[in-house]
Amino acid sequence: MLHVCTGLAISTAAGCNSTGTVTRPVAPSLISEEKALALPPPGGPGIVGVVERPRANGVEQIISLATTARVSGQNYLRIEFFGPAVSRGQSAPFRSIHERIILREAAEAIPGVSLVRRSTYLQNSYGPFSYASGRSILGDTCLYAWQQIRAGTASDGIGRNFGMIQVRWRLCDSYASEEQLLSAVYNYTITGTFEGKAWNPFGEPGPADPRIGETGQPIYPVANAAPGNLSIGYAGGVNLRPITSSVRRTASVPVKPALAKPTADRPVEGPRVPLPTSLSTGADKAAAAPQASNASAPVVTVPSPRSISAPPQ
């Protein structure tokens, strides 16, 4: 009897300590685009929706992107933050990128497309990244890229830069090339980070340019410019821009000489009248022959029949 009362007292005490508040389990939720922790580059692809999954040691977001490809599936940008355990839910383990696992992950994200792992070393503003790409049987260009952002330990001791960010890109497009899809991975922006300097995943800021303030170290407005190949100069108002001359060739069109207009003292010359055979002379035959264009034709006077038949006085 004593044991039963003791157990009942313990149960009652436990019930009194519980608040009895109704809570909702931690589950993915749809949030607004303004709360996205990463943004695609300006100009697209556009954001369709953002699904957030809270975790005890961070958060995961799947940012769905506009898709025009005929391959099944949705384009997305997935970003995961791994940090201290500060919230409810299940903690996500720290996992580094493994080659075999990431290729299986890419095949699941883009089914039916043969992806080829690119071995070229690439690096964007957040560090190195890799990708695999391929083309579908319908002609779509597909790309799956992955990146892990994690800074090394700071030089001033232990306990710094423990945070980590992992990024995944799934992109398929019917019109874009592989280089165009790759430009999204180069130009995207991460808008979130951890609170507290100890969990900074980006590392310490880089040092300033050692040329700043030094004598004999000119800094030009063009990157990687040198005095020999810098295309700027000043010559006291003289136009230094190169002048390019272009020669336009046109077909020569023969000009037809204009006919002379008739005047009072210059009648219009009509066609020449051939002389009768009986009246034609050698000089007349020579005048009837074609003349050179630059010589003046002789004028032949034709006597009237009346003057010829009249008897002499």
C-alpha atoms as a PDB file:
ATOM      1  CA  MET A   1       0.000   0.000   0.000  1.00  0.00           C
ATOM      2  CA  LEU A   2       2.867   2.305   0.802  1.00  0.00           C
ATOM      3  CA  HIS A   3       4.504   1.594  -2.558  1.00  0.00           C
ATOM      4  CA  VAL A   4       1.292   2.434  -4.430  1.00  0.00           C
ATOM      5  CA  CYS A   5       0.906   5.765  -2.673  1.00  0.00           C
ATOM      6  CA  THR A   6       4.536   6.570  -3.287  1.00  0.00           C
ATOM      7  CA  GLY A   7       4.187   5.871  -7.024  1.00  0.00           C
ATOM      8  CA  LEU A   8       1.029   7.957  -7.164  1.00  0.00           C
ATOM      9  CA  ALA A   9       2.781  10.845  -5.486  1.00  0.00           C
ATOM     10  CA  ILE A  10       5.661  10.685  -7.954  1.00  0.00           C
ATOM     11  CA  SER A  11       3.288  10.674 -10.932  1.00  0.00           C
ATOM     12  CA  THR A  12       1.384  13.626  -9.544  1.00  0.00           C
ATOM     13  CA  ALA A  13       4.583  15.571  -9.044  1.00  0.00           C
ATOM     14  CA  ALA A  14       5.683  14.843 -12.595  1.00  0.00           C
ATOM     15  CA  GLY A  15       2.337  16.007 -13.922  1.00  0.00           C
ATOM     16  CA  CYS A  16       2.590  19.216 -11.976  1.00  0.00           C
ATOM     17  CA  ASN A  17       6.003  19.972 -13.470  1.00  0.00           C
ATOM     18  CA  SER A  18       4.686  19.619 -17.076  1.00  0.00           C
ATOM     19  CA  THR A  19       3.219  22.770 -18.619  1.00  0.00           C
ATOM     20  CA  GLY A  20       0.800  20.907 -20.857  1.00  0.00           C
ATOM     21  CA  THR A  21       1.273  23.445 -23.682  1.00  0.00           C
ATOM     22  CA  VAL A  22       0.222  22.222 -27.130  1.00  0.00           C
ATOM     23  CA  THR A  23       3.116  22.629 -29.594  1.00  0.00           C
ATOM     24  CA  ARG A  24       3.532  21.952 -33.279  1.00  0.00           C
ATOM     25  CA  PRO A  25       6.367  19.587 -34.285  1.00  0.00           C
ATOM     26  CA  VAL A  26       9.265  21.088 -36.183  1.00  0.00           C
ATOM     27  CA  ALA A  27       8.420  20.655 -39.870  1.00  0.00           C
ATOM     28  CA  PRO A  28       9.249  22.338 -43.170  1.00  0.00           C
ATOM     29  CA  SER A  29       7.346  25.543 -43.838  1.00  0.00           C
ATOM     30  CA  LEU A  30       6.849  27.830 -46.819  1.00  0.00           C
ATOM     31  CA  ILE A  31       8.358  31.274 -46.242  1.00  0.00           C
ATOM     32  CA  SER A  32       8.517  34.470 -48.291  1.00  0.00           C
ATOM     33  CA  GLU A  33      11.232  35.148 -50.838  1.00  0.00           C
ATOM     34  CA  GLU A  34      12.599  38.017 -48.724  1.00  0.00           C
ATOM     35  CA  LYS A  35      13.676  35.494 -46.054  1.00  0.00           C
ATOM     36  CA  ALA A  36      15.764  33.409 -48.436  1.00  0.00           C
ATOM     37  CA  LEU A  37      19.303  32.856 -47.139  1.00  0.00           C
ATOM     38  CA  ALA A  38      20.733  32.812 -50.685  1.00  0.00           C
ATOM     39  CA  LEU A  39      19.738  34.616 -53.856  1.00  0.00           C
ATOM     40  CA  PRO A  40      20.361  33.761 -57.506  1.00  0.00           C
ATOM     41  CA  PRO A  41      22.238  36.360 -59.567  1.00  0.00           C
ATOM     42  CA  PRO A  42      20.452  39.428 -60.948  1.00  0.00           C
ATOM     43  CA  GLY A  43      18.516  38.554 -64.068  1.00  0.00           C
ATOM     44  CA  GLY A  44      17.536  35.076 -62.997  1.00  0.00           C
ATOM     45  CA  PRO A  45      16.609  32.415 -62.660  1.00  0.00           C
ATOM     46  CA  GLY A  46      13.603  33.708 -60.753  1.00  0.00           C
ATOM     47  CA  ILE A  47      12.573  32.389 -57.343  1.00  0.00           C
ATOM     48  CA  VAL A  48       9.350  30.373 -57.350  1.00  0.00           C
ATOM     49  CA  GLY A  49       9.174  29.533 -53.636  1.00  0.00           C
ATOM     50  CA  VAL A  50      11.256  28.949 -50.506  1.00  0.00           C
ATOM     51  CA  VAL A  51      10.815  25.969 -48.161  1.00  0.00           C
ATOM     52  CA  GLU A  52      12.636  26.160 -44.813  1.00  0.00           C
ATOM     53  CA  ARG A  53      13.414  23.250 -42.496  1.00  0.00           C
ATOM     54  CA  PRO A  54      14.613  24.295 -39.007  1.00  0.00           C
ATOM     55  CA  ARG A  55      17.130  22.124 -37.218  1.00  0.00           C
ATOM     56  CA  ALA A  56      18.602  22.079 -33.763  1.00  0.00           C
ATOM     57  CA  ASN A  57      22.021  23.109 -35.054  1.00  0.00           C
ATOM     58  CA  GLY A  58      21.084  25.196 -38.077  1.00  0.00           C
ATOM     59  CA  VAL A  59      18.613  25.514 -40.887  1.00  0.00           C
ATOM     60  CA  GLU A  60      18.073  24.214 -44.415  1.00  0.00           C
ATOM     61  CA  GLN A  61      16.351  26.070 -47.243  1.00  0.00           C
ATOM     62  CA  ILE A  62      15.341  24.794 -50.659  1.00  0.00           C
ATOM     63  CA  ILE A  63      14.894  27.777 -52.965  1.00  0.00           C
ATOM     64  CA  SER A  64      12.892  26.627 -55.974  1.00  0.00           C
ATOM     65  CA  LEU A  65      13.803  28.354 -59.236  1.00  0.00           C
ATOM     66  CA  ALA A  66      12.012  28.887 -62.535  1.00  0.00           C
ATOM     67  CA  THR A  67      12.316  25.873 -64.847  1.00  0.00           C
ATOM     68  CA  THR A  68      11.871  25.756 -68.628  1.00  0.00           C
ATOM     69  CA  ALA A  69      13.487  22.376 -69.319  1.00  0.00           C
ATOM     70  CA  ARG A  70      11.629  19.264 -70.362  1.00  0.00           C
ATOM     71  CA  VAL A  71      13.542  17.086 -67.920  1.00  0.00           C
ATOM     72  CA  SER A  72      11.442  15.970 -64.969  1.00  0.00           C
ATOM     73  CA  GLY A  73      12.196  17.804 -61.743  1.00  0.00           C
ATOM     74  CA  GLN A  74      12.481  21.330 -60.400  1.00  0.00           C
ATOM     75  CA  ASN A  75      15.457  23.672 -60.523  1.00  0.00           C
ATOM     76  CA  TYR A  76      16.583  24.718 -57.074  1.00  0.00           C
ATOM     77  CA  LEU A  77      19.281  26.251 -54.929  1.00  0.00           C
ATOM     78  CA  ARG A  78      19.641  24.387 -51.640  1.00  0.00           C
ATOM     79  CA  ILE A  79      21.604  25.903 -48.781  1.00  0.00           C
ATOM     80  CA  GLU A  80      22.324  24.358 -45.358  1.00  0.00           C
ATOM     81  CA  PHE A  81      23.772  26.111 -42.314  1.00  0.00           C
ATOM     82  CA  PHE A  82      25.533  23.969 -39.706  1.00  0.00           C
ATOM     83  CA  GLY A  83      26.277  25.594 -36.358  1.00  0.00           C
ATOM     84  CA  PRO A  84      25.638  25.330 -32.610  1.00  0.00           C
ATOM     85  CA  ALA A  85      22.627  23.468 -31.213  1.00  0.00           C
ATOM     86  CA  VAL A  86      20.402  26.367 -30.173  1.00  0.00           C
ATOM     87  CA  SER A  87      16.879  25.386 -31.264  1.00  0.00           C
ATOM     88  CA  ARG A  88      14.408  22.528 -31.169  1.00  0.00           C
ATOM     89  CA  GLY A  89      14.352  19.684 -33.600  1.00  0.00           C
ATOM     90  CA  GLN A  90      16.786  17.109 -34.802  1.00  0.00           C
ATOM     91  CA  SER A  91      20.421  18.037 -35.305  1.00  0.00           C
ATOM     92  CA  ALA A  92      22.005  17.511 -38.715  1.00  0.00           C
ATOM     93  CA  PRO A  93      25.406  15.844 -38.648  1.00  0.00           C
ATOM     94  CA  PHE A  94      28.472  17.581 -40.038  1.00  0.00           C
ATOM     95  CA  ARG A  95      29.226  15.746 -43.265  1.00  0.00           C
ATOM     96  CA  SER A  96      32.006  16.638 -45.638  1.00  0.00           C
ATOM     97  CA  ILE A  97      31.534  16.146 -49.376  1.00  0.00           C
ATOM     98  CA  HIS A  98      32.351  12.632 -50.549  1.00  0.00           C
ATOM     99  CA  GLU A  99      32.879  12.006 -54.252  1.00  0.00           C
ATOM    100  CA  ARG A 100      30.748   8.876 -54.546  1.00  0.00           C
ATOM    101  CA  ILE A 101      27.928  10.250 -52.427  1.00  0.00           C
ATOM    102  CA  ILE A 102      27.767  13.562 -54.303  1.00  0.00           C
ATOM    103  CA  LEU A 103      27.559  11.843 -57.698  1.00  0.00           C
ATOM    104  CA  ARG A 104      24.712   9.669 -56.452  1.00  0.00           C
ATOM    105  CA  GLU A 105      23.047  12.809 -55.164  1.00  0.00           C
ATOM    106  CA  ALA A 106      23.411  14.449 -58.586  1.00  0.00           C
ATOM    107  CA  ALA A 107      21.905  11.428 -60.362  1.00  0.00           C
ATOM    108  CA  GLU A 108      18.884  11.520 -58.051  1.00  0.00           C
ATOM    109  CA  ALA A 109      18.407  15.247 -58.619  1.00  0.00           C
ATOM    110  CA  ILE A 110      18.499  14.955 -62.451  1.00  0.00           C
ATOM    111  CA  PRO A 111      17.143  11.515 -63.385  1.00  0.00           C
ATOM    112  CA  GLY A 112      17.629  10.180 -66.886  1.00  0.00           C
ATOM    113  CA  VAL A 113      20.543  12.474 -67.759  1.00  0.00           C
ATOM    114  CA  SER A 114      24.095  11.180 -68.043  1.00  0.00           C
ATOM    115  CA  LEU A 115      26.193  13.651 -66.027  1.00  0.00           C
ATOM    116  CA  VAL A 116      29.954  13.991 -66.422  1.00  0.00           C
ATOM    117  CA  ARG A 117      32.033  15.168 -63.484  1.00  0.00           C
ATOM    118  CA  ARG A 118      34.204  18.151 -64.442  1.00  0.00           C
ATOM    119  CA  SER A 119      37.696  18.021 -62.968  1.00  0.00           C
ATOM    120  CA  THR A 120      38.656  21.652 -63.644  1.00  0.00           C
ATOM    121  CA  TYR A 121      39.395  23.663 -60.513  1.00  0.00           C
ATOM    122  CA  LEU A 122      36.830  26.437 -60.144  1.00  0.00           C
ATOM    123  CA  GLN A 123      36.358  29.117 -57.515  1.00  0.00           C
ATOM    124  CA  ASN A 124      33.761  31.808 -56.895  1.00  0.00           C
ATOM    125  CA  SER A 125      33.580  34.530 -54.235  1.00  0.00           C
ATOM    126  CA  TYR A 126      33.002  31.954 -51.465  1.00  0.00           C
ATOM    127  CA  GLY A 127      35.737  29.515 -52.393  1.00  0.00           C
ATOM    128  CA  PRO A 128      36.192  26.424 -54.583  1.00  0.00           C
ATOM    129  CA  PHE A 129      33.272  24.475 -56.019  1.00  0.00           C
ATOM    130  CA  SER A 130      32.713  21.597 -58.443  1.00  0.00           C
ATOM    131  CA  TYR A 131      29.987  20.461 -60.783  1.00  0.00           C
ATOM    132  CA  ALA A 132      28.783  17.778 -63.173  1.00  0.00           C
ATOM    133  CA  SER A 133      26.890  18.455 -66.380  1.00  0.00           C
ATOM    134  CA  GLY A 134      25.230  16.704 -69.293  1.00  0.00           C
ATOM    135  CA  ARG A 135      22.520  16.902 -71.958  1.00  0.00           C
ATOM    136  CA  SER A 136      19.196  15.124 -71.987  1.00  0.00           C
ATOM    137  CA  ILE A 137      17.805  13.202 -74.948  1.00  0.00           C
ATOM    138  CA  LEU A 138      15.514  16.182 -75.589  1.00  0.00           C
ATOM    139  CA  GLY A 139      18.434  18.614 -75.841  1.00  0.00           C
ATOM    140  CA  ASP A 140      18.238  20.217 -72.378  1.00  0.00           C
ATOM    141  CA  THR A 141      21.484  21.321 -70.732  1.00  0.00           C
ATOM    142  CA  CYS A 142      21.708  20.206 -67.097  1.00  0.00           C
ATOM    143  CA  LEU A 143      24.125  21.072 -64.300  1.00  0.00           C
ATOM    144  CA  TYR A 144      24.535  19.949 -60.701  1.00  0.00           C
ATOM    145  CA  ALA A 145      27.018  21.953 -58.629  1.00  0.00           C
ATOM    146  CA  TRP A 146      28.129  21.629 -55.022  1.00  0.00           C
ATOM    147  CA  GLN A 147      30.114  23.793 -52.643  1.00  0.00           C
ATOM    148  CA  GLN A 148      31.178  23.627 -48.990  1.00  0.00           C
ATOM    149  CA  ILE A 149      32.009  26.890 -47.257  1.00  0.00           C
ATOM    150  CA  ARG A 150      34.035  26.450 -44.108  1.00  0.00           C
ATOM    151  CA  ALA A 151      36.848  28.636 -42.879  1.00  0.00           C
ATOM    152  CA  GLY A 152      40.008  27.332 -41.282  1.00  0.00           C
ATOM    153  CA  THR A 153      40.928  27.947 -37.652  1.00  0.00           C
ATOM    154  CA  ALA A 154      41.930  31.532 -36.959  1.00  0.00           C
ATOM    155  CA  SER A 155      45.541  32.276 -36.110  1.00  0.00           C
ATOM    156  CA  ASP A 156      44.741  33.620 -32.659  1.00  0.00           C
ATOM    157  CA  GLY A 157      43.709  30.318 -31.080  1.00  0.00           C
ATOM    158  CA  ILE A 158      41.138  27.528 -30.837  1.00  0.00           C
ATOM    159  CA  GLY A 159      37.395  27.951 -30.938  1.00  0.00           C
ATOM    160  CA  ARG A 160      36.897  30.076 -34.026  1.00  0.00           C
ATOM    161  CA  ASN A 161      35.163  29.655 -37.383  1.00  0.00           C
ATOM    162  CA  PHE A 162      33.252  26.478 -36.532  1.00  0.00           C
ATOM    163  CA  GLY A 163      30.278  27.238 -38.777  1.00  0.00           C
ATOM    164  CA  MET A 164      29.783  25.528 -42.134  1.00  0.00           C
ATOM    165  CA  ILE A 165      27.564  26.155 -45.141  1.00  0.00           C
ATOM    166  CA  GLN A 166      26.814  23.649 -47.882  1.00  0.00           C
ATOM    167  CA  VAL A 167      25.284  24.679 -51.192  1.00  0.00           C
ATOM    168  CA  ARG A 168      23.734  22.620 -53.978  1.00  0.00           C
ATOM    169  CA  TRP A 169      22.583  23.803 -57.410  1.00  0.00           C
ATOM    170  CA  ARG A 170      20.256  21.860 -59.693  1.00  0.00           C
ATOM    171  CA  LEU A 171      19.786  23.608 -63.051  1.00  0.00           C
ATOM    172  CA  CYS A 172      18.312  22.391 -66.350  1.00  0.00           C
ATOM    173  CA  ASP A 173      17.431  24.644 -69.262  1.00  0.00           C
ATOM    174  CA  SER A 174      16.278  24.137 -72.835  1.00  0.00           C
ATOM    175  CA  TYR A 175      18.031  27.212 -74.237  1.00  0.00           C
ATOM    176  CA  ALA A 176      21.040  27.994 -72.011  1.00  0.00           C
ATOM    177  CA  SER A 177      24.526  26.601 -72.541  1.00  0.00           C
ATOM    178  CA  GLU A 178      26.698  24.983 -69.891  1.00  0.00           C
ATOM    179  CA  GLU A 179      28.662  28.219 -69.430  1.00  0.00           C
ATOM    180  CA  GLN A 180      25.469  30.215 -68.928  1.00  0.00           C
ATOM    181  CA  LEU A 181      24.249  27.832 -66.251  1.00  0.00           C
ATOM    182  CA  LEU A 182      27.664  27.937 -64.623  1.00  0.00           C
ATOM    183  CA  SER A 183      27.477  31.731 -64.373  1.00  0.00           C
ATOM    184  CA  ALA A 184      24.678  31.377 -61.804  1.00  0.00           C
ATOM    185  CA  VAL A 185      27.025  29.462 -59.500  1.00  0.00           C
ATOM    186  CA  TYR A 186      29.629  32.199 -59.868  1.00  0.00           C
ATOM    187  CA  ASN A 187      27.320  35.137 -59.190  1.00  0.00           C
ATOM    188  CA  TYR A 188      24.866  34.047 -56.501  1.00  0.00           C
ATOM    189  CA  THR A 189      24.757  35.785 -53.101  1.00  0.00           C
ATOM    190  CA  ILE A 190      24.516  34.299 -49.590  1.00  0.00           C
ATOM    191  CA  THR A 191      22.506  36.646 -47.386  1.00  0.00           C
ATOM    192  CA  GLY A 192      22.609  34.694 -44.090  1.00  0.00           C
ATOM    193  CA  THR A 193      25.271  33.899 -41.539  1.00  0.00           C
ATOM    194  CA  PHE A 194      25.623  32.840 -37.893  1.00  0.00           C
ATOM    195  CA  GLU A 195      25.392  35.113 -34.903  1.00  0.00           C
ATOM    196  CA  GLY A 196      28.670  35.206 -33.048  1.00  0.00           C
ATOM    197  CA  LYS A 197      32.187  35.507 -34.280  1.00  0.00           C
ATOM    198  CA  ALA A 198      33.117  31.980 -33.259  1.00  0.00           C
ATOM    199  CA  TRP A 199      30.784  30.454 -35.872  1.00  0.00           C
ATOM    200  CA  ASN A 200      31.763  32.621 -38.819  1.00  0.00           C
ATOM    201  CA  PRO A 201      31.990  30.242 -41.811  1.00  0.00           C
ATOM    202  CA  PHE A 202      33.570  32.759 -44.181  1.00  0.00           C
ATOM    203  CA  GLY A 203      36.870  33.225 -42.343  1.00  0.00           C
ATOM    204  CA  GLU A 204      38.689  36.397 -41.517  1.00  0.00           C
ATOM    205  CA  PRO A 205      38.751  39.302 -43.999  1.00  0.00           C
ATOM    206  CA  GLY A 206      41.702  39.296 -46.333  1.00  0.00           C
ATOM    207  CA  PRO A 207      44.574  41.755 -45.814  1.00  0.00           C
ATOM    208  CA  ALA A 208      44.671  45.065 -47.615  1.00  0.00           C
ATOM    209  CA  ASP A 209      46.643  45.463 -50.809  1.00  0.00           C
ATOM    210  CA  PRO A 210      50.326  45.799 -49.783  1.00  0.00           C
ATOM    211  CA  ARG A 211      50.827  48.488 -52.445  1.00  0.00           C
ATOM    212  CA  ILE A 212      48.575  50.947 -50.604  1.00  0.00           C
ATOM    213  CA  GLY A 213      50.619  53.869 -49.298  1.00  0.00           C
ATOM    214  CA  GLU A 214      53.892  52.611 -50.751  1.00  0.00           C
ATOM    215  CA  THR A 215      56.142  54.787 -52.901  1.00  0.00           C
ATOM    216  CA  GLY A 216      56.747  53.567 -56.430  1.00  0.00           C
ATOM    217  CA  GLN A 217      53.657  51.305 -56.457  1.00  0.00           C
ATOM    218  CA  PRO A 218      51.081  52.908 -58.785  1.00  0.00           C
ATOM    219  CA  ILE A 219      47.541  51.561 -58.648  1.00  0.00           C
ATOM    220  CA  TYR A 220      45.565  51.918 -61.859  1.00  0.00           C
ATOM    221  CA  PRO A 221      41.798  51.981 -62.350  1.00  0.00           C
ATOM    222  CA  VAL A 222      41.995  48.909 -64.586  1.00  0.00           C
ATOM    223  CA  ALA A 223      42.718  45.558 -62.986  1.00  0.00           C
ATOM    224  CA  ASN A 224      46.097  43.993 -63.894  1.00  0.00           C
ATOM    225  CA  ALA A 225      47.078  47.081 -65.874  1.00  0.00           C
ATOM    226  CA  ALA A 226      50.644  48.209 -66.451  1.00  0.00           C
ATOM    227  CA  PRO A 227      52.047  51.479 -67.819  1.00  0.00           C
ATOM    228  CA  GLY A 228      52.961  49.788 -71.092  1.00  0.00           C
ATOM    229  CA  ASN A 229      49.486  48.488 -71.946  1.00  0.00           C
ATOM    230  CA  LEU A 230      47.301  51.103 -70.276  1.00  0.00           C
ATOM    231  CA  SER A 231      45.140  52.670 -72.978  1.00  0.00           C
ATOM    232  CA  ILE A 232      44.908  56.132 -71.446  1.00  0.00           C
ATOM    233  CA  GLY A 233      46.803  59.320 -72.186  1.00  0.00           C
ATOM    234  CA  TYR A 234      46.559  63.094 -72.495  1.00  0.00           C
ATOM    235  CA  ALA A 235      48.044  65.296 -75.237  1.00  0.00           C
ATOM    236  CA  GLY A 236      46.739  68.771 -74.424  1.00  0.00           C
ATOM    237  CA  GLY A 237      43.390  68.558 -76.144  1.00  0.00           C
ATOM    238  CA  VAL A 238      44.575  66.536 -79.147  1.00  0.00           C
ATOM    239  CA  ASN A 239      42.234  63.780 -80.174  1.00  0.00           C
ATOM    240  CA  LEU A 240      44.164  60.552 -79.507  1.00  0.00           C
ATOM    241  CA  ARG A 241      41.436  58.209 -80.632  1.00  0.00           C
ATOM    242  CA  PRO A 242      42.419  56.138 -83.670  1.00  0.00           C
ATOM    243  CA  ILE A 243      40.817  57.182 -86.922  1.00  0.00           C
ATOM    244  CA  THR A 244      39.577  54.394 -89.113  1.00  0.00           C
ATOM    245  CA  SER A 245      39.083  55.192 -92.777  1.00  0.00           C
ATOM    246  CA  SER A 246      36.722  53.192 -94.876  1.00  0.00           C
ATOM    247  CA  VAL A 247      36.757  53.252 -98.687  1.00  0.00           C
ATOM    248  CA  ARG A 248      33.416  52.765-100.329  1.00  0.00           C
ATOM    249  CA  ARG A 249      33.571  51.325-103.816  1.00  0.00           C
ATOM    250  CA  THR A 250      30.645  52.045-106.091  1.00  0.00           C
ATOM    251  CA  ALA A 251      30.024  50.812-109.615  1.00  0.00           C
ATOM    252  CA  SER A 252      30.651  53.424-112.276  1.00  0.00           C
ATOM    253  CA  VAL A 253      27.466  54.364-114.111  1.00  0.00           C
ATOM    254  CA  PRO A 254      27.892  55.875-117.594  1.00  0.00           C
ATOM    255  CA  VAL A 255      26.473  59.359-117.766  1.00  0.00           C
ATOM    256  CA  LYS A 256      24.257  60.023-120.736  1.00  0.00           C
ATOM    257  CA  PRO A 257      25.035  63.416-122.252  1.00  0.00           C
ATOM    258  CA  ALA A 258      22.213  65.822-121.971  1.00  0.00           C
ATOM    259  CA  LEU A 259      20.636  67.100-125.150  1.00  0.00           C
ATOM    260  CA  ALA A 260      21.088  70.758-125.921  1.00  0.00           C
ATOM    261  CA  LYS A 261      18.008  72.834-125.452  1.00  0.00           C
ATOM    262  CA  PRO A 262      16.776  74.722-128.529  1.00  0.00           C
ATOM    263  CA  THR A 263      17.272  78.477-128.628  1.00  0.00           C
ATOM    264  CA  ALA A 264      16.287  81.259-131.014  1.00  0.00           C
ATOM    265  CA  ASP A 265      19.683  81.381-132.710  1.00  0.00           C
ATOM    266  CA  ARG A 266      20.426  77.705-132.424  1.00  0.00           C
ATOM    267  CA  PRO A 267      17.778  75.390-133.917  1.00  0.00           C
ATOM    268  CA  VAL A 268      17.672  71.783-133.014  1.00  0.00           C
ATOM    269  CA  GLU A 269      19.574  69.648-135.447  1.00  0.00           C
ATOM    270  CA  GLY A 270      17.516  66.804-136.775  1.00  0.00           C
ATOM    271  CA  PRO A 271      18.611  63.719-138.682  1.00  0.00           C
ATOM    272  CA  ARG A 272      20.740  64.284-141.738  1.00  0.00           C
ATOM    273  CA  VAL A 273      18.999  63.994-145.127  1.00  0.00           C
ATOM    274  CA  PRO A 274      20.902  61.898-147.699  1.00  0.00           C
ATOM    275  CA  LEU A 275      21.616  63.733-150.950  1.00  0.00           C
ATOM    276  CA  PRO A 276      20.308  62.533-154.296  1.00  0.00           C
ATOM    277  CA  THR A 277      22.771  60.422-156.261  1.00  0.00           C
ATOM    278  CA  SER A 278      22.869  62.819-159.148  1.00  0.00           C
ATOM    279  CA  LEU A 279      23.725  65.752-156.909  1.00  0.00           C
ATOM    280  CA  SER A 280      26.091  64.062-154.500  1.00  0.00           C
ATOM    281  CA  THR A 281      29.780  64.742-154.900  1.00  0.00           C
ATOM    282  CA  GLY A 282      32.883  63.314-153.315  1.00  0.00           C
ATOM    283  CA  ALA A 283      32.763  65.920-150.616  1.00  0.00           C
ATOM    284  CA  ASP A 284      29.173  65.010-149.948  1.00  0.00           C
ATOM    285  CA  LYS A 285      30.065  61.325-149.586  1.00  0.00           C
ATOM    286  CA  ALA A 286      32.830  62.174-147.162  1.00  0.00           C
ATOM    287  CA  ALA A 287      30.401  64.255-145.131  1.00  0.00           C
ATOM    288  CA  ALA A 288      27.913  61.399-145.041  1.00  0.00           C
ATOM    289  CA  ALA A 289      30.544  59.013-143.582  1.00  0.00           C
ATOM    290  CA  PRO A 290      30.534  58.613-139.784  1.00  0.00           C
ATOM    291  CA  GLN A 291      32.816  61.102-138.037  1.00  0.00           C
ATOM    292  CA  ALA A 292      34.722  60.825-134.789  1.00  0.00           C
ATOM    293  CA  SER A 293      32.885  61.888-131.694  1.00  0.00           C
ATOM    294  CA  ASN A 294      35.385  64.642-130.939  1.00  0.00           C
ATOM    295  CA  ALA A 295      35.308  66.190-134.499  1.00  0.00           C
ATOM    296  CA  SER A 296      32.681  68.652-135.668  1.00  0.00           C
ATOM    297  CA  ALA A 297      30.529  67.382-138.552  1.00  0.00           C
ATOM    298  CA  PRO A 298      30.559  69.536-141.744  1.00  0.00           C
ATOM    299  CA  VAL A 299      27.361  71.343-142.622  1.00  0.00           C
ATOM    300  CA  VAL A 300      26.029  70.417-146.090  1.00  0.00           C
ATOM    301  CA  THR A 301      23.839  72.945-147.916  1.00  0.00           C
ATOM    302  CA  VAL A 302      21.257  71.335-150.178  1.00  0.00           C
ATOM    303  CA  PRO A 303      20.286  73.560-153.176  1.00  0.00           C
ATOM    304  CA  SER A 304      16.636  73.727-153.921  1.00  0.00           C
ATOM    305  CA  PRO A 305      15.422  72.236-157.275  1.00  0.00           C
ATOM    306  CA  ARG A 306      14.051  75.634-158.385  1.00  0.00           C
ATOM    307  CA  SER A 307      17.444  77.285-158.339  1.00  0.00           C
ATOM    308  CA  ILE A 308      18.926  74.453-160.381  1.00  0.00           C
ATOM    309  CA  SER A 309      16.287  74.398-163.155  1.00  0.00           C
ATOM    310  CA  ALA A 310      16.115  78.168-163.723  1.00  0.00           C
ATOM    311  CA  PRO A 311      17.911  79.366-166.937  1.00  0.00           C
ATOM    312  CA  PRO A 312      20.749  81.765-166.593  1.00  0.00           C
ATOM    313  CA  GLN A 313      19.943  85.424-167.044  1.00  0.00           C
END
